[in-house]
Amino acid sequence: MIIKIADSENELERVMKLRYEVNTLELQKDFLPKGFEPKDRHAVQLLASQNEQLLGCLRYRMPDSSDDLTEEWGIRHNLKIAITDRLAVLPKYRNSRVAYLLMLAVYKQALLSDAKLALIETEEHLLKMYRRLGFMPYREKQYAFGKRFQLFINPWDVKRLTELNSPFASVYEKYMQELKDFAQVA
């Protein structure tokens, strides 16, 4: 399986199509648009594929202003904050490692972006997975389509991640080793 940033027009179109098919057609989340959203402009779209088939995707973004954080997330900070959303996985791959590998890749993006806090919003049935990764719920939000949970993580708190046995801890260690190796070559 390949996890990568969607960087061609074709890959981005396939990501948008998958997001729409999973979230709107299958899961009936009719609040999501069919194509690109304004927030996609400055976002990283990660995709998971195997043998040219797109299996899943998610969006990673750094909010443009603190207004986005206050309105959507109830947070007022001047920190670098990363938001992960629009996770979509084809039904037959939902019990596979697709979402897990996408989350490991997005965690590394948070490190690369020097995000001090990372946020995600999810349905109740996914809380267990996100808690295992190290996310902590901080509030519930009620929408017309149902209840969702907003969660956060400090990507740099490796002590906590290690104590939780989060797979993010090994991604952190590998990233720090890469930095150390790079510094020795430079």
N, C-alpha and C. Protein backbone atom coordinates (compact mmCIF):
# COMPACT_ATOMS: atom_id res chain seq x y z
N MET A 1 0.84 -1.17 0.00
CA MET A 1 0.00 0.00 0.00
C MET A 1 0.89 1.24 0.00
N ILE A 2 0.46 2.23 -0.73
CA ILE A 2 1.20 3.49 -0.83
C ILE A 2 0.39 4.60 -0.17
N ILE A 3 1.05 5.35 0.70
CA ILE A 3 0.46 6.54 1.32
C ILE A 3 1.27 7.71 0.81
N LYS A 4 0.61 8.68 0.19
CA LYS A 4 1.34 9.82 -0.37
C LYS A 4 0.46 11.05 -0.43
N ILE A 5 1.10 12.17 -0.71
CA ILE A 5 0.38 13.41 -0.93
C ILE A 5 -0.16 13.40 -2.36
N ALA A 6 -1.43 13.71 -2.50
CA ALA A 6 -2.02 13.83 -3.83
C ALA A 6 -1.47 15.11 -4.45
N ASP A 7 -0.68 14.96 -5.49
CA ASP A 7 -0.04 16.14 -6.05
C ASP A 7 -0.35 16.40 -7.52
N SER A 8 -1.01 15.50 -8.18
CA SER A 8 -1.39 15.75 -9.57
C SER A 8 -2.88 16.08 -9.62
N GLU A 9 -3.30 16.73 -10.71
CA GLU A 9 -4.72 17.05 -10.88
C GLU A 9 -5.56 15.79 -10.86
N ASN A 10 -5.08 14.74 -11.51
CA ASN A 10 -5.81 13.48 -11.55
C ASN A 10 -5.99 12.91 -10.14
N GLU A 11 -4.92 12.91 -9.33
CA GLU A 11 -5.02 12.39 -7.96
C GLU A 11 -5.99 13.23 -7.12
N LEU A 12 -5.92 14.55 -7.27
CA LEU A 12 -6.82 15.42 -6.51
C LEU A 12 -8.27 15.20 -6.91
N GLU A 13 -8.52 15.03 -8.19
CA GLU A 13 -9.89 14.74 -8.65
C GLU A 13 -10.39 13.41 -8.09
N ARG A 14 -9.52 12.41 -8.06
CA ARG A 14 -9.90 11.10 -7.51
C ARG A 14 -10.19 11.19 -6.01
N VAL A 15 -9.40 12.00 -5.29
CA VAL A 15 -9.63 12.21 -3.86
C VAL A 15 -10.99 12.87 -3.65
N MET A 16 -11.29 13.92 -4.41
CA MET A 16 -12.57 14.62 -4.26
C MET A 16 -13.73 13.68 -4.58
N LYS A 17 -13.56 12.85 -5.58
CA LYS A 17 -14.61 11.90 -5.96
C LYS A 17 -14.83 10.89 -4.83
N LEU A 18 -13.75 10.36 -4.26
CA LEU A 18 -13.87 9.40 -3.16
C LEU A 18 -14.53 10.04 -1.95
N ARG A 19 -14.09 11.24 -1.60
CA ARG A 19 -14.70 11.95 -0.46
C ARG A 19 -16.20 12.09 -0.65
N TYR A 20 -16.60 12.47 -1.84
CA TYR A 20 -18.02 12.65 -2.13
C TYR A 20 -18.78 11.33 -2.08
N GLU A 21 -18.23 10.30 -2.72
CA GLU A 21 -18.91 9.01 -2.75
C GLU A 21 -19.09 8.43 -1.35
N VAL A 22 -18.04 8.49 -0.53
CA VAL A 22 -18.12 7.92 0.81
C VAL A 22 -18.97 8.79 1.73
N ASN A 23 -18.62 10.07 1.83
CA ASN A 23 -19.28 10.93 2.82
C ASN A 23 -20.71 11.32 2.44
N THR A 24 -20.95 11.65 1.19
CA THR A 24 -22.27 12.14 0.80
C THR A 24 -23.18 11.02 0.32
N LEU A 25 -22.72 10.24 -0.65
CA LEU A 25 -23.59 9.20 -1.20
C LEU A 25 -23.81 8.04 -0.23
N GLU A 26 -22.73 7.56 0.37
CA GLU A 26 -22.87 6.39 1.27
C GLU A 26 -23.32 6.78 2.67
N LEU A 27 -22.61 7.73 3.30
CA LEU A 27 -22.88 8.07 4.69
C LEU A 27 -23.92 9.18 4.87
N GLN A 28 -24.43 9.69 3.76
CA GLN A 28 -25.51 10.70 3.78
C GLN A 28 -25.12 12.00 4.49
N LYS A 29 -23.85 12.36 4.42
CA LYS A 29 -23.41 13.63 5.00
C LYS A 29 -23.60 14.70 3.91
N ASP A 30 -24.83 15.15 3.76
CA ASP A 30 -25.16 16.05 2.66
C ASP A 30 -24.67 17.48 2.85
N PHE A 31 -24.00 17.74 3.96
CA PHE A 31 -23.44 19.06 4.19
C PHE A 31 -22.10 19.25 3.48
N LEU A 32 -21.53 18.17 2.95
CA LEU A 32 -20.24 18.27 2.27
C LEU A 32 -20.44 18.52 0.78
N PRO A 33 -19.67 19.43 0.22
CA PRO A 33 -19.79 19.70 -1.22
C PRO A 33 -19.20 18.57 -2.07
N LYS A 34 -19.59 18.56 -3.32
CA LYS A 34 -19.14 17.50 -4.23
C LYS A 34 -17.67 17.67 -4.63
N GLY A 35 -17.24 18.88 -4.85
CA GLY A 35 -15.88 19.11 -5.34
C GLY A 35 -14.99 19.78 -4.31
N PHE A 36 -14.13 20.64 -4.80
CA PHE A 36 -13.19 21.33 -3.93
C PHE A 36 -13.92 22.32 -3.04
N GLU A 37 -13.41 22.44 -1.83
CA GLU A 37 -13.91 23.42 -0.87
C GLU A 37 -12.87 24.53 -0.76
N PRO A 38 -13.27 25.71 -0.33
CA PRO A 38 -12.28 26.78 -0.16
C PRO A 38 -11.11 26.36 0.74
N LYS A 39 -11.37 25.55 1.76
CA LYS A 39 -10.31 25.12 2.68
C LYS A 39 -9.33 24.15 2.02
N ASP A 40 -9.72 23.56 0.89
CA ASP A 40 -8.82 22.65 0.18
C ASP A 40 -7.65 23.39 -0.46
N ARG A 41 -7.84 24.68 -0.71
CA ARG A 41 -6.83 25.47 -1.41
C ARG A 41 -5.46 25.40 -0.74
N HIS A 42 -5.44 25.44 0.57
CA HIS A 42 -4.17 25.45 1.31
C HIS A 42 -3.98 24.17 2.12
N ALA A 43 -4.64 23.11 1.71
CA ALA A 43 -4.57 21.85 2.45
C ALA A 43 -3.71 20.83 1.72
N VAL A 44 -3.26 19.86 2.48
CA VAL A 44 -2.56 18.70 1.93
C VAL A 44 -3.57 17.57 1.90
N GLN A 45 -3.70 16.94 0.75
CA GLN A 45 -4.59 15.79 0.61
C GLN A 45 -3.71 14.55 0.60
N LEU A 46 -3.89 13.69 1.59
CA LEU A 46 -3.16 12.42 1.63
C LEU A 46 -4.05 11.33 1.06
N LEU A 47 -3.43 10.40 0.35
CA LEU A 47 -4.21 9.29 -0.20
C LEU A 47 -3.52 7.97 0.07
N ALA A 48 -4.33 6.94 0.12
CA ALA A 48 -3.85 5.56 0.26
C ALA A 48 -4.29 4.83 -0.99
N SER A 49 -3.34 4.17 -1.65
CA SER A 49 -3.69 3.43 -2.87
C SER A 49 -2.94 2.11 -2.92
N GLN A 50 -3.50 1.22 -3.71
CA GLN A 50 -2.86 -0.08 -3.93
C GLN A 50 -3.22 -0.51 -5.34
N ASN A 51 -2.19 -0.84 -6.11
CA ASN A 51 -2.40 -1.25 -7.50
C ASN A 51 -3.25 -0.25 -8.26
N GLU A 52 -2.94 1.03 -8.09
CA GLU A 52 -3.62 2.13 -8.78
C GLU A 52 -5.05 2.38 -8.28
N GLN A 53 -5.54 1.61 -7.30
CA GLN A 53 -6.87 1.84 -6.76
C GLN A 53 -6.77 2.73 -5.53
N LEU A 54 -7.58 3.78 -5.51
CA LEU A 54 -7.63 4.66 -4.36
C LEU A 54 -8.48 3.99 -3.27
N LEU A 55 -7.88 3.80 -2.08
CA LEU A 55 -8.55 3.10 -0.99
C LEU A 55 -9.10 4.05 0.07
N GLY A 56 -8.40 5.18 0.24
CA GLY A 56 -8.81 6.13 1.26
C GLY A 56 -8.06 7.44 1.11
N CYS A 57 -8.52 8.44 1.85
CA CYS A 57 -7.88 9.76 1.79
C CYS A 57 -8.24 10.55 3.04
N LEU A 58 -7.54 11.63 3.26
CA LEU A 58 -7.88 12.60 4.29
C LEU A 58 -7.24 13.93 3.95
N ARG A 59 -7.72 14.96 4.63
CA ARG A 59 -7.22 16.32 4.40
C ARG A 59 -6.51 16.80 5.66
N TYR A 60 -5.38 17.49 5.44
CA TYR A 60 -4.59 18.07 6.52
C TYR A 60 -4.42 19.54 6.20
N ARG A 61 -4.74 20.40 7.17
CA ARG A 61 -4.61 21.83 6.90
C ARG A 61 -4.21 22.59 8.16
N MET A 62 -3.63 23.74 7.91
CA MET A 62 -3.30 24.68 8.97
C MET A 62 -4.26 25.86 8.78
N PRO A 63 -5.10 26.17 9.77
CA PRO A 63 -6.09 27.24 9.59
C PRO A 63 -5.45 28.57 9.24
N ASP A 64 -6.16 29.31 8.39
CA ASP A 64 -5.67 30.63 7.95
C ASP A 64 -5.70 31.66 9.07
N SER A 65 -6.69 31.54 9.96
CA SER A 65 -6.80 32.55 11.01
C SER A 65 -7.33 31.92 12.29
N SER A 66 -7.19 32.66 13.37
CA SER A 66 -7.72 32.17 14.64
C SER A 66 -9.24 32.17 14.63
N ASP A 67 -9.86 32.92 13.69
CA ASP A 67 -11.32 32.92 13.58
C ASP A 67 -11.82 31.52 13.25
N ASP A 68 -11.12 30.80 12.35
CA ASP A 68 -11.49 29.41 12.01
C ASP A 68 -11.48 28.55 13.27
N LEU A 69 -10.48 28.73 14.09
CA LEU A 69 -10.34 27.91 15.30
C LEU A 69 -11.41 28.25 16.33
N THR A 70 -11.71 29.52 16.49
CA THR A 70 -12.70 29.93 17.47
C THR A 70 -14.09 29.46 17.06
N GLU A 71 -14.45 29.71 15.82
CA GLU A 71 -15.79 29.38 15.35
C GLU A 71 -16.04 27.87 15.28
N GLU A 72 -15.11 27.14 14.66
CA GLU A 72 -15.31 25.71 14.45
C GLU A 72 -14.89 24.85 15.63
N TRP A 73 -13.87 25.28 16.36
CA TRP A 73 -13.26 24.40 17.36
C TRP A 73 -13.31 24.95 18.78
N GLY A 74 -13.77 26.17 18.97
CA GLY A 74 -13.86 26.73 20.31
C GLY A 74 -12.51 27.00 20.93
N ILE A 75 -11.50 27.27 20.11
CA ILE A 75 -10.13 27.46 20.60
C ILE A 75 -9.64 28.85 20.22
N ARG A 76 -9.00 29.52 21.18
CA ARG A 76 -8.35 30.81 20.91
C ARG A 76 -6.88 30.65 21.26
N HIS A 77 -6.05 30.54 20.23
CA HIS A 77 -4.62 30.37 20.43
C HIS A 77 -3.87 31.01 19.28
N ASN A 78 -2.64 31.35 19.54
CA ASN A 78 -1.75 31.81 18.48
C ASN A 78 -0.74 30.72 18.13
N LEU A 79 -1.01 29.50 18.55
CA LEU A 79 -0.12 28.38 18.25
C LEU A 79 -0.32 27.92 16.81
N LYS A 80 0.67 27.20 16.31
CA LYS A 80 0.51 26.55 15.01
C LYS A 80 -0.34 25.30 15.25
N ILE A 81 -1.53 25.31 14.68
CA ILE A 81 -2.47 24.22 14.91
C ILE A 81 -2.80 23.56 13.58
N ALA A 82 -2.79 22.23 13.60
CA ALA A 82 -3.11 21.43 12.42
C ALA A 82 -4.48 20.80 12.60
N ILE A 83 -5.23 20.73 11.51
CA ILE A 83 -6.55 20.11 11.53
C ILE A 83 -6.58 19.00 10.50
N THR A 84 -7.02 17.83 10.94
CA THR A 84 -7.21 16.70 10.04
C THR A 84 -8.71 16.46 9.91
N ASP A 85 -9.18 16.35 8.68
CA ASP A 85 -10.58 16.07 8.45
C ASP A 85 -10.77 15.41 7.09
N ARG A 86 -12.00 15.15 6.76
CA ARG A 86 -12.39 14.55 5.48
C ARG A 86 -11.79 13.16 5.26
N LEU A 87 -11.64 12.40 6.36
CA LEU A 87 -11.19 11.02 6.24
C LEU A 87 -12.27 10.22 5.53
N ALA A 88 -11.90 9.51 4.49
CA ALA A 88 -12.83 8.66 3.74
C ALA A 88 -12.10 7.39 3.35
N VAL A 89 -12.69 6.25 3.65
CA VAL A 89 -12.11 4.96 3.29
C VAL A 89 -13.21 4.13 2.64
N LEU A 90 -12.86 3.47 1.53
CA LEU A 90 -13.83 2.60 0.87
C LEU A 90 -14.35 1.55 1.85
N PRO A 91 -15.64 1.21 1.77
CA PRO A 91 -16.23 0.29 2.75
C PRO A 91 -15.46 -1.02 2.94
N LYS A 92 -15.01 -1.64 1.88
CA LYS A 92 -14.36 -2.94 2.04
C LYS A 92 -12.96 -2.86 2.67
N TYR A 93 -12.45 -1.63 2.86
CA TYR A 93 -11.13 -1.45 3.49
C TYR A 93 -11.22 -0.83 4.88
N ARG A 94 -12.40 -0.69 5.42
CA ARG A 94 -12.56 -0.03 6.72
C ARG A 94 -12.00 -0.84 7.88
N ASN A 95 -11.90 -2.12 7.77
CA ASN A 95 -11.30 -2.93 8.83
C ASN A 95 -9.87 -3.32 8.50
N SER A 96 -9.28 -2.59 7.58
CA SER A 96 -7.89 -2.83 7.21
C SER A 96 -7.02 -1.76 7.87
N ARG A 97 -5.81 -1.61 7.41
CA ARG A 97 -4.87 -0.64 7.98
C ARG A 97 -4.90 0.71 7.26
N VAL A 98 -5.85 0.93 6.36
CA VAL A 98 -5.86 2.15 5.55
C VAL A 98 -5.95 3.40 6.44
N ALA A 99 -6.98 3.50 7.28
CA ALA A 99 -7.14 4.69 8.13
C ALA A 99 -5.94 4.85 9.07
N TYR A 100 -5.47 3.74 9.62
CA TYR A 100 -4.33 3.75 10.52
C TYR A 100 -3.08 4.33 9.84
N LEU A 101 -2.78 3.86 8.63
CA LEU A 101 -1.60 4.34 7.91
C LEU A 101 -1.75 5.79 7.47
N LEU A 102 -2.96 6.18 7.11
CA LEU A 102 -3.20 7.59 6.79
C LEU A 102 -2.94 8.46 8.03
N MET A 103 -3.38 7.99 9.19
CA MET A 103 -3.18 8.76 10.41
C MET A 103 -1.70 8.84 10.79
N LEU A 104 -0.94 7.78 10.58
CA LEU A 104 0.51 7.85 10.83
C LEU A 104 1.15 8.89 9.91
N ALA A 105 0.73 8.91 8.65
CA ALA A 105 1.29 9.87 7.69
C ALA A 105 0.90 11.30 8.05
N VAL A 106 -0.34 11.50 8.50
CA VAL A 106 -0.76 12.86 8.85
C VAL A 106 -0.08 13.32 10.13
N TYR A 107 0.22 12.41 11.03
CA TYR A 107 0.98 12.76 12.23
C TYR A 107 2.36 13.29 11.83
N LYS A 108 3.00 12.61 10.89
CA LYS A 108 4.31 13.09 10.44
C LYS A 108 4.18 14.47 9.78
N GLN A 109 3.09 14.71 9.06
CA GLN A 109 2.85 16.04 8.49
C GLN A 109 2.78 17.10 9.59
N ALA A 110 2.15 16.75 10.71
CA ALA A 110 2.07 17.69 11.83
C ALA A 110 3.46 18.01 12.37
N LEU A 111 4.32 17.00 12.44
CA LEU A 111 5.70 17.24 12.88
C LEU A 111 6.44 18.11 11.87
N LEU A 112 6.30 17.79 10.60
CA LEU A 112 6.98 18.56 9.55
C LEU A 112 6.52 20.02 9.53
N SER A 113 5.25 20.24 9.87
CA SER A 113 4.70 21.60 9.90
C SER A 113 4.98 22.32 11.21
N ASP A 114 5.60 21.62 12.15
CA ASP A 114 5.88 22.15 13.49
C ASP A 114 4.60 22.58 14.21
N ALA A 115 3.53 21.81 13.98
CA ALA A 115 2.26 22.08 14.65
C ALA A 115 2.42 21.80 16.14
N LYS A 116 1.93 22.69 16.95
CA LYS A 116 2.01 22.53 18.41
C LYS A 116 0.78 21.81 18.96
N LEU A 117 -0.27 21.76 18.17
CA LEU A 117 -1.50 21.11 18.55
C LEU A 117 -2.15 20.58 17.28
N ALA A 118 -2.72 19.39 17.35
CA ALA A 118 -3.42 18.82 16.19
C ALA A 118 -4.84 18.48 16.62
N LEU A 119 -5.79 18.79 15.75
CA LEU A 119 -7.20 18.59 16.04
C LEU A 119 -7.84 17.65 15.03
N ILE A 120 -8.87 16.96 15.49
CA ILE A 120 -9.66 16.11 14.61
C ILE A 120 -11.06 16.04 15.19
N GLU A 121 -12.05 15.89 14.32
CA GLU A 121 -13.43 15.75 14.77
C GLU A 121 -13.96 14.43 14.22
N THR A 122 -14.70 13.68 15.05
CA THR A 122 -15.10 12.35 14.64
C THR A 122 -16.44 11.93 15.24
N GLU A 123 -16.95 10.85 14.69
CA GLU A 123 -18.14 10.21 15.23
C GLU A 123 -17.73 9.32 16.41
N GLU A 124 -18.72 8.98 17.21
CA GLU A 124 -18.46 8.21 18.43
C GLU A 124 -17.81 6.86 18.16
N HIS A 125 -18.19 6.18 17.08
CA HIS A 125 -17.66 4.83 16.83
C HIS A 125 -16.16 4.82 16.51
N LEU A 126 -15.57 5.98 16.21
CA LEU A 126 -14.14 6.06 15.93
C LEU A 126 -13.31 6.57 17.11
N LEU A 127 -13.97 6.92 18.20
CA LEU A 127 -13.25 7.45 19.36
C LEU A 127 -12.17 6.49 19.87
N LYS A 128 -12.47 5.22 19.93
CA LYS A 128 -11.51 4.24 20.45
C LYS A 128 -10.21 4.26 19.64
N MET A 129 -10.34 4.29 18.31
CA MET A 129 -9.15 4.31 17.45
C MET A 129 -8.31 5.56 17.72
N TYR A 130 -8.97 6.71 17.77
CA TYR A 130 -8.23 7.96 17.97
C TYR A 130 -7.61 8.04 19.36
N ARG A 131 -8.28 7.51 20.36
CA ARG A 131 -7.70 7.48 21.71
C ARG A 131 -6.45 6.61 21.74
N ARG A 132 -6.48 5.47 21.04
CA ARG A 132 -5.30 4.60 20.99
C ARG A 132 -4.12 5.33 20.35
N LEU A 133 -4.40 6.20 19.40
CA LEU A 133 -3.34 6.98 18.76
C LEU A 133 -2.79 8.05 19.69
N GLY A 134 -3.60 8.50 20.66
CA GLY A 134 -3.14 9.51 21.60
C GLY A 134 -4.00 10.76 21.65
N PHE A 135 -5.05 10.82 20.83
CA PHE A 135 -5.94 11.97 20.87
C PHE A 135 -6.78 11.94 22.13
N MET A 136 -7.14 13.14 22.61
CA MET A 136 -7.99 13.27 23.79
C MET A 136 -9.22 14.10 23.42
N PRO A 137 -10.41 13.61 23.74
CA PRO A 137 -11.62 14.40 23.48
C PRO A 137 -11.65 15.62 24.39
N TYR A 138 -12.11 16.75 23.86
CA TYR A 138 -12.25 17.92 24.70
C TYR A 138 -13.65 18.53 24.62
N ARG A 139 -14.43 18.19 23.61
CA ARG A 139 -15.82 18.65 23.62
C ARG A 139 -16.65 17.88 22.60
N GLU A 140 -17.95 17.88 22.87
CA GLU A 140 -18.93 17.30 21.94
C GLU A 140 -19.61 18.45 21.22
N LYS A 141 -19.95 18.20 19.95
CA LYS A 141 -20.71 19.19 19.19
C LYS A 141 -21.93 18.50 18.60
N GLN A 142 -23.06 19.16 18.71
CA GLN A 142 -24.29 18.63 18.15
C GLN A 142 -24.58 19.36 16.85
N TYR A 143 -24.74 18.61 15.79
CA TYR A 143 -25.08 19.16 14.48
C TYR A 143 -26.46 18.63 14.10
N ALA A 144 -27.03 19.17 13.03
CA ALA A 144 -28.32 18.69 12.53
C ALA A 144 -28.23 17.21 12.15
N PHE A 145 -27.05 16.77 11.70
CA PHE A 145 -26.86 15.38 11.25
C PHE A 145 -26.41 14.45 12.37
N GLY A 146 -26.16 14.98 13.56
CA GLY A 146 -25.77 14.12 14.67
C GLY A 146 -24.66 14.69 15.53
N LYS A 147 -24.27 13.93 16.54
CA LYS A 147 -23.24 14.34 17.50
C LYS A 147 -21.86 13.93 16.98
N ARG A 148 -20.91 14.81 17.20
CA ARG A 148 -19.51 14.53 16.87
C ARG A 148 -18.65 14.97 18.06
N PHE A 149 -17.43 14.45 18.06
CA PHE A 149 -16.49 14.73 19.15
C PHE A 149 -15.26 15.41 18.58
N GLN A 150 -14.82 16.46 19.24
CA GLN A 150 -13.59 17.13 18.85
C GLN A 150 -12.48 16.67 19.78
N LEU A 151 -11.35 16.32 19.17
CA LEU A 151 -10.23 15.77 19.91
C LEU A 151 -8.96 16.56 19.60
N PHE A 152 -7.98 16.47 20.48
CA PHE A 152 -6.70 17.14 20.27
C PHE A 152 -5.56 16.23 20.68
N ILE A 153 -4.38 16.59 20.21
CA ILE A 153 -3.15 15.91 20.60
C ILE A 153 -2.00 16.92 20.49
N ASN A 154 -1.06 16.81 21.39
CA ASN A 154 0.19 17.56 21.27
C ASN A 154 1.16 16.63 20.54
N PRO A 155 1.47 16.90 19.28
CA PRO A 155 2.33 15.98 18.52
C PRO A 155 3.73 15.81 19.10
N TRP A 156 4.16 16.75 19.91
CA TRP A 156 5.53 16.73 20.44
C TRP A 156 5.63 16.10 21.82
N ASP A 157 4.52 15.68 22.39
CA ASP A 157 4.52 15.08 23.73
C ASP A 157 4.84 13.59 23.62
N VAL A 158 6.09 13.28 23.29
CA VAL A 158 6.49 11.89 23.07
C VAL A 158 6.43 11.07 24.36
N LYS A 159 6.61 11.71 25.49
CA LYS A 159 6.52 10.99 26.76
C LYS A 159 5.12 10.40 26.92
N ARG A 160 4.11 11.21 26.70
CA ARG A 160 2.73 10.73 26.81
C ARG A 160 2.43 9.68 25.74
N LEU A 161 2.89 9.93 24.52
CA LEU A 161 2.65 8.98 23.43
C LEU A 161 3.29 7.62 23.73
N THR A 162 4.48 7.66 24.31
CA THR A 162 5.18 6.42 24.68
C THR A 162 4.43 5.70 25.79
N GLU A 163 3.99 6.46 26.81
CA GLU A 163 3.23 5.86 27.92
C GLU A 163 1.95 5.20 27.43
N LEU A 164 1.31 5.78 26.42
CA LEU A 164 0.08 5.23 25.86
C LEU A 164 0.34 4.08 24.88
N ASN A 165 1.62 3.88 24.57
CA ASN A 165 2.00 2.91 23.54
C ASN A 165 1.39 3.27 22.19
N SER A 166 1.33 4.57 21.93
CA SER A 166 0.80 5.08 20.67
C SER A 166 1.77 4.79 19.54
N PRO A 167 1.28 4.37 18.39
CA PRO A 167 2.17 4.19 17.24
C PRO A 167 2.80 5.51 16.79
N PHE A 168 2.23 6.63 17.21
CA PHE A 168 2.83 7.92 16.88
C PHE A 168 4.22 8.06 17.50
N ALA A 169 4.46 7.41 18.63
CA ALA A 169 5.76 7.50 19.31
C ALA A 169 6.88 7.00 18.41
N SER A 170 6.65 5.91 17.68
CA SER A 170 7.70 5.41 16.78
C SER A 170 7.87 6.32 15.57
N VAL A 171 6.79 6.93 15.11
CA VAL A 171 6.92 7.90 14.01
C VAL A 171 7.75 9.09 14.48
N TYR A 172 7.50 9.54 15.70
CA TYR A 172 8.27 10.64 16.29
C TYR A 172 9.75 10.28 16.37
N GLU A 173 10.05 9.09 16.88
CA GLU A 173 11.45 8.66 17.02
C GLU A 173 12.15 8.59 15.67
N LYS A 174 11.47 8.05 14.67
CA LYS A 174 12.05 7.97 13.32
C LYS A 174 12.29 9.37 12.75
N TYR A 175 11.35 10.26 12.98
CA TYR A 175 11.50 11.64 12.50
C TYR A 175 12.70 12.31 13.16
N MET A 176 12.82 12.14 14.46
CA MET A 176 13.95 12.75 15.17
C MET A 176 15.28 12.17 14.69
N GLN A 177 15.30 10.88 14.38
CA GLN A 177 16.51 10.24 13.84
C GLN A 177 16.84 10.81 12.46
N GLU A 178 15.82 11.01 11.63
CA GLU A 178 16.03 11.60 10.31
C GLU A 178 16.66 12.98 10.43
N LEU A 179 16.15 13.79 11.38
CA LEU A 179 16.72 15.13 11.61
C LEU A 179 18.17 15.03 12.06
N LYS A 180 18.45 14.10 12.96
CA LYS A 180 19.81 13.91 13.46
C LYS A 180 20.74 13.48 12.32
N ASP A 181 20.30 12.52 11.51
CA ASP A 181 21.09 12.07 10.37
C ASP A 181 21.35 13.19 9.37
N PHE A 182 20.33 14.01 9.14
CA PHE A 182 20.46 15.13 8.22
C PHE A 182 21.47 16.14 8.74
N ALA A 183 21.42 16.41 10.06
CA ALA A 183 22.34 17.37 10.66
C ALA A 183 23.80 16.89 10.56
N GLN A 184 24.00 15.57 10.64
CA GLN A 184 25.35 15.02 10.55
C GLN A 184 25.90 15.13 9.13
N VAL A 185 25.03 15.03 8.14
CA VAL A 185 25.47 15.12 6.73
C VAL A 185 25.75 16.57 6.36
N ALA A 186 24.96 17.47 6.87
CA ALA A 186 25.08 18.89 6.51
C ALA A 186 26.28 19.53 7.05
